[in-house]
Protein backbone atom coordinates (compact mmCIF):
# COMPACT_ATOMS: atom_id res chain seq x y z
CA MET A 1 0.00 0.00 0.00
CA LYS A 2 1.30 3.43 -0.99
CA THR A 3 -0.50 6.60 0.10
CA GLU A 4 0.44 10.03 -1.23
CA LEU A 5 -0.75 13.32 0.25
CA ILE A 6 -1.98 16.43 -1.50
CA MET A 7 -2.38 19.50 0.70
CA LEU A 8 -4.39 22.18 -1.08
CA ALA A 9 -3.10 25.67 -0.26
CA ALA A 10 -3.55 27.53 -3.53
CA GLY A 11 -6.40 29.89 -2.68
CA GLN A 12 -6.19 33.67 -2.42
CA SER A 13 -8.04 33.86 0.92
CA LYS A 14 -9.79 37.13 0.05
CA ARG A 15 -11.86 37.08 3.24
CA PHE A 16 -8.77 36.84 5.44
CA ASN A 17 -7.38 40.24 4.49
CA GLY A 18 -3.85 38.86 4.23
CA ILE A 19 -1.97 35.72 3.30
CA LYS A 20 -3.84 33.18 5.36
CA GLN A 21 -1.26 30.44 4.92
CA LEU A 22 1.31 32.64 6.70
CA ALA A 23 -0.87 33.58 9.68
CA ASP A 24 0.85 32.91 13.00
CA ILE A 25 -0.16 29.78 14.90
CA GLN A 26 1.86 29.51 18.10
CA GLY A 27 4.96 30.97 16.51
CA GLN A 28 4.84 29.31 13.11
CA PRO A 29 3.00 29.92 9.84
CA MET A 30 -0.40 28.28 9.60
CA ILE A 31 0.67 26.14 6.65
CA CYS A 32 3.61 24.72 8.63
CA HIS A 33 1.38 24.08 11.62
CA CYS A 34 -1.04 22.13 9.43
CA LEU A 35 1.80 20.20 7.81
CA SER A 36 2.86 19.05 11.27
CA HIS A 37 -0.30 16.93 11.40
CA TYR A 38 1.13 14.82 8.59
CA CYS A 39 4.87 15.03 9.26
CA GLN A 40 7.13 13.85 12.05
CA GLY A 41 10.22 16.02 11.88
CA ASP A 42 11.49 15.84 8.31
CA LYS A 43 9.57 12.65 7.48
CA TRP A 44 5.97 11.86 6.69
CA ILE A 45 4.11 10.01 9.43
CA ASN A 46 3.70 6.27 9.19
CA GLY A 47 1.33 5.40 6.36
CA ILE A 48 2.16 8.35 4.09
CA THR A 49 4.77 7.58 1.44
CA ASN A 50 5.09 10.97 -0.18
CA GLY A 51 3.28 14.28 -0.38
CA TYR A 52 2.90 17.67 -2.04
CA VAL A 53 1.83 21.13 -0.99
CA VAL A 54 -0.17 22.64 -3.84
CA LEU A 55 0.29 26.41 -4.12
CA GLY A 56 -1.13 29.15 -6.31
CA SER A 57 -1.81 32.65 -5.01
CA ASN A 58 1.17 34.13 -3.12
CA ALA A 59 3.19 31.01 -3.92
CA GLU A 60 6.53 32.82 -3.85
CA SER A 61 5.98 34.09 -0.31
CA ILE A 62 4.62 30.80 1.00
CA CYS A 63 7.43 28.74 -0.54
CA LYS A 64 9.93 30.62 1.63
CA VAL A 65 8.49 29.26 4.89
CA LEU A 66 8.00 25.63 3.86
CA PRO A 67 10.53 23.03 5.05
CA ALA A 68 13.16 22.26 2.42
CA ASN A 69 12.16 18.59 2.28
CA ILE A 70 8.53 19.29 1.36
CA ASN A 71 7.57 18.91 -2.30
CA GLN A 72 5.92 22.03 -3.68
CA PHE A 73 3.75 22.33 -6.77
CA VAL A 74 2.40 25.60 -8.12
CA VAL A 75 -0.79 25.28 -10.15
CA ASP A 76 -1.52 27.87 -12.81
CA SER A 77 -5.26 27.18 -12.71
CA TRP A 78 -5.77 28.25 -9.06
CA PRO A 79 -7.94 31.32 -9.95
CA LEU A 80 -10.52 28.92 -11.41
CA GLY A 81 -11.20 27.31 -8.02
CA MET A 82 -10.18 24.49 -5.73
CA GLY A 83 -11.48 21.85 -8.11
CA HIS A 84 -9.09 22.95 -10.83
CA SER A 85 -6.16 23.00 -8.39
CA LEU A 86 -7.00 19.49 -7.23
CA ALA A 87 -7.43 18.20 -10.78
CA GLN A 88 -4.10 19.65 -11.91
CA SER A 89 -2.27 18.23 -8.90
CA ILE A 90 -3.44 14.68 -9.61
CA GLN A 91 -0.77 14.51 -12.32
CA LEU A 92 1.82 14.38 -9.52
CA ILE A 93 0.63 11.02 -8.22
CA ALA A 94 3.00 8.15 -8.97
CA ASN A 95 1.80 5.21 -11.04
CA ASP A 96 2.22 2.76 -8.18
CA THR A 97 0.29 4.87 -5.66
CA THR A 98 -2.68 3.01 -4.20
CA HIS A 99 -4.33 5.84 -2.23
CA ILE A 100 -4.41 9.63 -2.11
CA LEU A 101 -4.96 11.67 1.06
CA ILE A 102 -6.48 15.06 0.32
CA CYS A 103 -6.25 17.73 3.00
CA LEU A 104 -6.36 21.50 3.49
CA ALA A 105 -3.85 24.00 4.83
CA ASP A 106 -6.28 25.73 7.19
CA GLN A 107 -7.69 22.92 9.35
CA VAL A 108 -5.57 23.97 12.29
CA ALA A 109 -7.31 21.90 14.97
CA LEU A 110 -6.34 18.50 13.61
CA ASN A 111 -3.49 16.42 15.03
CA GLN A 112 -1.34 13.44 14.10
CA GLN A 113 -3.39 10.98 16.15
CA LEU A 114 -6.49 11.73 14.09
CA ILE A 115 -4.64 11.34 10.79
CA LEU A 116 -3.02 8.09 11.95
CA LYS A 117 -6.50 6.81 12.81
CA MET A 118 -7.62 7.51 9.25
CA LEU A 119 -4.57 5.80 7.79
CA GLU A 120 -5.21 2.78 10.01
CA GLN A 121 -8.76 2.57 8.65
CA THR A 122 -7.35 2.65 5.12
CA SER A 123 -5.13 -0.31 5.97
CA ARG A 124 -8.13 -2.23 7.27
CA PHE A 125 -10.52 -1.24 4.49
CA PRO A 126 -8.35 -0.44 1.44
CA ASN A 127 -11.24 -0.41 -1.04
CA HIS A 128 -13.26 2.19 0.85
CA ILE A 129 -13.02 5.98 0.97
CA ILE A 130 -12.04 7.12 4.45
CA ALA A 131 -13.32 10.60 5.32
CA ALA A 132 -13.59 12.90 8.31
CA SER A 133 -17.06 13.22 9.83
CA TYR A 134 -18.05 16.56 11.38
CA ALA A 135 -21.06 18.87 11.59
CA ASN A 136 -23.37 16.12 10.30
CA LYS A 137 -21.41 15.67 7.08
CA VAL A 138 -18.29 14.06 5.70
CA GLY A 139 -15.38 15.94 4.21
CA VAL A 140 -11.65 16.31 4.11
CA PRO A 141 -9.24 15.09 5.20
CA ALA A 142 -10.23 12.14 3.06
CA ILE A 143 -8.36 9.16 1.66
CA PHE A 144 -9.39 7.87 -1.77
CA PRO A 145 -8.38 4.54 -3.33
CA ARG A 146 -6.73 4.81 -6.72
CA GLN A 147 -9.88 3.98 -8.68
CA TYR A 148 -11.22 7.47 -7.90
CA LEU A 149 -8.20 9.37 -9.22
CA SER A 150 -9.57 9.73 -12.75
CA GLU A 151 -12.66 11.51 -11.43
CA LEU A 152 -10.63 13.67 -9.06
CA ALA A 153 -8.58 14.70 -12.10
CA GLN A 154 -11.75 16.03 -13.73
CA MET A 155 -12.82 18.37 -10.91
CA THR A 156 -13.62 21.93 -11.95
CA GLY A 157 -14.54 25.22 -10.34
CA ASP A 158 -14.91 25.03 -6.58
CA ASN A 159 -16.03 21.40 -6.72
CA GLY A 160 -13.46 19.66 -4.58
CA ALA A 161 -13.36 16.17 -3.12
CA LYS A 162 -16.66 16.65 -1.28
CA SER A 163 -18.62 16.12 -4.47
CA LEU A 164 -17.16 12.63 -4.82
CA LEU A 165 -17.83 11.89 -1.16
CA GLN A 166 -21.48 12.64 -1.85
CA LYS A 167 -21.57 10.69 -5.10
CA TYR A 168 -20.02 7.58 -3.54
CA SER A 169 -21.50 7.92 -0.07
CA GLN A 170 -22.12 4.16 0.13
CA GLN A 171 -18.37 3.57 -0.17
CA VAL A 172 -17.40 6.08 2.51
CA LEU A 173 -16.29 5.03 5.97
CA ALA A 174 -16.56 8.05 8.26
CA VAL A 175 -14.10 8.79 11.05
CA ASP A 176 -15.56 10.98 13.78
CA MET A 177 -13.47 14.15 13.66
CA PRO A 178 -15.19 17.29 14.99
CA GLU A 179 -11.81 19.04 14.91
CA ALA A 180 -12.01 19.08 11.09
CA ALA A 181 -14.88 21.59 11.29
CA PHE A 182 -12.47 24.31 12.41
CA ASP A 183 -11.07 25.84 9.24
CA ILE A 184 -9.91 29.43 9.01
CA ASP A 185 -11.54 31.84 6.56
CA THR A 186 -11.19 35.16 8.39
CA ILE A 187 -8.99 36.73 11.04
CA GLU A 188 -12.00 36.52 13.36
CA ASP A 189 -12.10 32.75 12.82
CA LEU A 190 -8.43 32.52 13.77
CA ASN A 191 -8.77 34.63 16.89
CA ALA A 192 -11.82 32.68 18.05
CA LEU A 193 -10.04 29.39 17.57
CA LEU A 194 -6.90 30.49 19.40
CA VAL A 195 -9.05 31.40 22.37
CA LYS A 196 -10.15 27.76 22.42
CA SER A 197 -6.53 26.70 22.91
CA ARG A 198 -7.47 23.12 23.67
CA TYR A 199 -7.97 22.64 19.91
CA VAL A 200 -4.50 23.77 18.93
CA GLU A 201 -1.44 21.70 19.68
């Protein structure tokens, strides 16, 4: 089994009034904080073979803060929406990859234990989609078996992985993860979350 990660971080974050990916989370940029959920030091956590951070808007500034060992990919279609960024990044996936883990760079309340739980479920049920369950829905992070890559490569607009989770709901195994509901769209979101420090490592 070979699982590759795609972290989507290409958006312009207009509502944030700044470069969201660089916002400070306990002394480090948000994007680095979120990467720490999937990395242990300079290595991916057990169960992830390789991974990419997908950039678009403000890529030059964000690249400067990423660890040197992290693969970076800048998509030229990012203004067209998350779906286009995801579709373009699918080309990075190696031919022998069996699963793809799709995640976001603003779900700051996650932690390694939650991601390891998802990866464990993939090992037990390799033919199912494993997805986070929160706020009475399923979403990312989500792990897709290879047979879904062709459809992920056809995403457009703002239609991300959630559309496939809905389409193939009978194949989804949900992992209870209320922490995944906390994504950051505005500075107010960030300040409110930091007040609830129990959610942030």
